[in-house]
Each structure stands twice: as structure tokens, then as C-alpha cells.
Amino acid sequence: MKKDFLQVRVRYGETDQMGVVYYGNYAQYFEMGRTEWLRKFGLSYKWMEDNGIMLPVIDLNVKFKQPALYDDLLTVVTTLQKLPTIRITFNYEIYNEKKELITTASTTLVFIDKETKKPMMAPEYLLEKLRKIDFDS
């Protein structure tokens, strides 16, 4: 499972006066996608933080192709392309109900030791689970 699918309904408060999703809200959709992606491996941000690992976003790239609108049911596709090292990069595609691609993006996060606040290698328990993924397909 290098790819996961999450459906999100656009709420009124996420839109501007024209009923278009405010661009800053897309980062929340991406976060929801990657947290659910991790959860499918039996991991959560909370569990990793409780075990001494922080995962701040250090890079976010977004390409807007069409707007998402109030009450749209969006599908967030989250993909991991390769095994992480110190960094982990997720790619995203968001589709509307017509299955039209409306947004693409990527986020890069870095593994940080909670105590020292210094970068660290991806934890072995995560790598062990991820090594089972076929990244070439």
C-alpha cells in the first residue's frame, strides 16, 4: 500500500465568498491524507510523538488546476514514492466528484528527535513496515 484514498466533504467555513475552497485549507487536506496513510500502517502522529519523534513539514508544493467548491466530495490520494531516510515525502492528488484532477501537491517532512530537536533517521519500526511496499509498481 503505497497509495491511500480519503474522501473529504468541503465545509462552508473552508470557502471564500464565491464558494471556492480557500487555498490555505488544502494543507489540511494533505495532512488528513498522510495521517490516514500512516494510520493504515498502525502508526499515528500521536504514537510517534509519544515515542520521541516529531515530523514537521519542511516543504510544501501545490499546483491548483481547478477550484474545489462548497459541498464537493473530494478524494485525496496520498502516495509515498520511496523509503524515507531523514526525510519522508508524500505526493497528493485531489479529485472532485466528476473524477477530475483538481490539485497536485507534495510535502516533505523531516524526522526530529523530540528531546534534542535534531534531525534523525527514520525509525526502524517504520522502515520495517515500509520495506514491504513495492515502490516500483
Protein backbone atom coordinates (compact mmCIF):
# COMPACT_ATOMS: atom_id res chain seq x y z
CA MET A 1 0.00 0.00 0.00
CA LYS A 2 1.94 2.96 -1.18
CA LYS A 3 -1.30 4.74 -2.13
CA ASP A 4 -4.29 5.60 0.05
CA PHE A 5 -7.65 7.23 -0.68
CA LEU A 6 -9.55 9.55 1.66
CA GLN A 7 -12.85 11.31 0.97
CA VAL A 8 -13.45 14.79 2.39
CA ARG A 9 -16.57 16.93 2.06
CA VAL A 10 -15.82 20.65 1.65
CA ARG A 11 -17.35 22.56 4.55
CA TYR A 12 -18.79 26.06 4.21
CA GLY A 13 -16.15 27.54 6.54
CA GLU A 14 -13.38 26.32 4.20
CA THR A 15 -14.59 28.51 1.34
CA ASP A 16 -14.49 32.16 0.38
CA GLN A 17 -17.47 34.34 -0.62
CA MET A 18 -17.53 32.69 -4.05
CA GLY A 19 -17.90 29.22 -2.55
CA VAL A 20 -14.33 28.30 -3.61
CA VAL A 21 -12.03 26.49 -1.16
CA TYR A 22 -9.52 28.95 0.27
CA TYR A 23 -6.05 27.89 -0.87
CA GLY A 24 -4.67 27.64 2.68
CA ASN A 25 -7.14 24.88 3.53
CA TYR A 26 -5.53 22.45 1.09
CA ALA A 27 -2.66 21.91 3.56
CA GLN A 28 -5.22 20.46 5.98
CA TYR A 29 -6.49 18.06 3.32
CA PHE A 30 -2.93 16.91 2.69
CA GLU A 31 -2.33 16.44 6.41
CA MET A 32 -5.52 14.39 6.71
CA GLY A 33 -4.34 12.25 3.79
CA ARG A 34 -0.92 11.50 5.24
CA THR A 35 -2.14 10.90 8.79
CA GLU A 36 -4.65 8.37 7.50
CA TRP A 37 -1.93 6.86 5.27
CA LEU A 38 0.23 6.33 8.38
CA ARG A 39 -2.73 5.07 10.41
CA LYS A 40 -3.24 2.25 7.90
CA PHE A 41 0.22 1.03 8.99
CA GLY A 42 -0.88 1.03 12.60
CA LEU A 43 1.00 4.26 13.32
CA SER A 44 -0.18 7.70 14.30
CA TYR A 45 1.46 11.06 14.80
CA LYS A 46 0.42 10.89 18.44
CA TRP A 47 2.05 7.49 18.93
CA MET A 48 5.27 8.65 17.23
CA GLU A 49 5.32 11.88 19.28
CA ASP A 50 4.71 9.87 22.47
CA ASN A 51 7.72 7.77 21.42
CA GLY A 52 10.06 10.71 20.86
CA ILE A 53 9.65 11.56 17.18
CA MET A 54 8.34 14.78 15.67
CA LEU A 55 7.55 15.19 11.95
CA PRO A 56 7.45 18.87 10.93
CA VAL A 57 6.71 19.80 7.32
CA ILE A 58 9.74 21.46 5.75
CA ASP A 59 8.45 21.77 2.19
CA LEU A 60 5.01 22.13 0.58
CA ASN A 61 4.43 22.41 -3.17
CA VAL A 62 0.94 22.77 -4.64
CA LYS A 63 -0.40 23.08 -8.19
CA PHE A 64 -4.01 24.24 -8.47
CA LYS A 65 -5.68 23.06 -11.66
CA GLN A 66 -9.35 23.80 -10.89
CA PRO A 67 -11.19 25.04 -7.81
CA ALA A 68 -12.86 22.85 -5.22
CA LEU A 69 -16.26 24.18 -4.24
CA TYR A 70 -18.50 24.21 -1.20
CA ASP A 71 -20.12 20.79 -0.58
CA ASP A 72 -17.87 19.00 -3.11
CA LEU A 73 -16.91 15.48 -2.12
CA LEU A 74 -13.17 15.36 -2.71
CA THR A 75 -10.96 12.30 -2.96
CA VAL A 76 -7.46 12.85 -1.59
CA VAL A 77 -4.98 10.32 -2.99
CA THR A 78 -1.82 10.10 -0.88
CA THR A 79 1.25 8.32 -2.23
CA LEU A 80 4.67 7.53 -0.84
CA GLN A 81 7.21 7.20 -3.67
CA LYS A 82 10.21 5.80 -1.83
CA LEU A 83 11.54 4.70 1.53
CA PRO A 84 12.30 7.61 3.84
CA THR A 85 15.71 8.45 5.23
CA ILE A 86 15.91 11.59 7.36
CA ARG A 87 13.07 12.95 5.24
CA ILE A 88 9.79 11.48 4.05
CA THR A 89 7.98 12.86 1.01
CA PHE A 90 4.31 12.33 0.25
CA ASN A 91 2.61 13.16 -3.05
CA TYR A 92 -1.05 14.05 -3.34
CA GLU A 93 -3.74 14.26 -5.97
CA ILE A 94 -7.18 15.65 -5.22
CA TYR A 95 -10.13 14.75 -7.42
CA ASN A 96 -13.65 16.15 -7.45
CA GLU A 97 -16.83 14.07 -7.71
CA LYS A 98 -16.56 14.07 -11.50
CA LYS A 99 -13.17 12.36 -11.06
CA GLU A 100 -11.42 15.44 -12.46
CA LEU A 101 -7.94 16.12 -11.11
CA ILE A 102 -8.13 19.50 -9.39
CA THR A 103 -4.90 19.71 -7.36
CA THR A 104 -1.50 18.04 -7.12
CA ALA A 105 0.97 18.55 -4.31
CA SER A 106 3.86 17.18 -2.31
CA THR A 107 5.00 17.61 1.27
CA THR A 108 8.39 16.77 2.71
CA LEU A 109 8.69 16.16 6.43
CA VAL A 110 11.81 15.57 8.50
CA PHE A 111 12.17 13.14 11.39
CA ILE A 112 13.18 15.11 14.51
CA ASP A 113 14.24 13.71 17.89
CA LYS A 114 11.75 15.22 20.34
CA GLU A 115 14.35 15.73 23.08
CA THR A 116 17.34 17.02 21.12
CA LYS A 117 15.30 18.78 18.40
CA LYS A 118 17.82 17.43 15.87
CA PRO A 119 17.14 15.54 12.64
CA MET A 120 17.33 11.78 12.86
CA MET A 121 16.97 8.80 10.56
CA ALA A 122 13.51 7.33 10.05
CA PRO A 123 12.79 4.93 12.90
CA GLU A 124 13.40 1.26 12.23
CA TYR A 125 9.84 0.26 13.18
CA LEU A 126 8.53 2.46 10.35
CA LEU A 127 11.14 1.31 7.83
CA GLU A 128 10.40 -2.32 8.66
CA LYS A 129 6.73 -1.80 7.72
CA LEU A 130 7.54 0.27 4.63
CA ARG A 131 10.04 -2.24 3.26
CA LYS A 132 7.07 -4.49 2.49
CA ILE A 133 5.81 -1.98 -0.11
CA ASP A 134 6.59 -2.47 -3.78
CA PHE A 135 7.72 1.04 -4.73
CA ASP A 136 8.36 0.05 -8.35
CA SER A 137 4.72 -0.64 -9.23
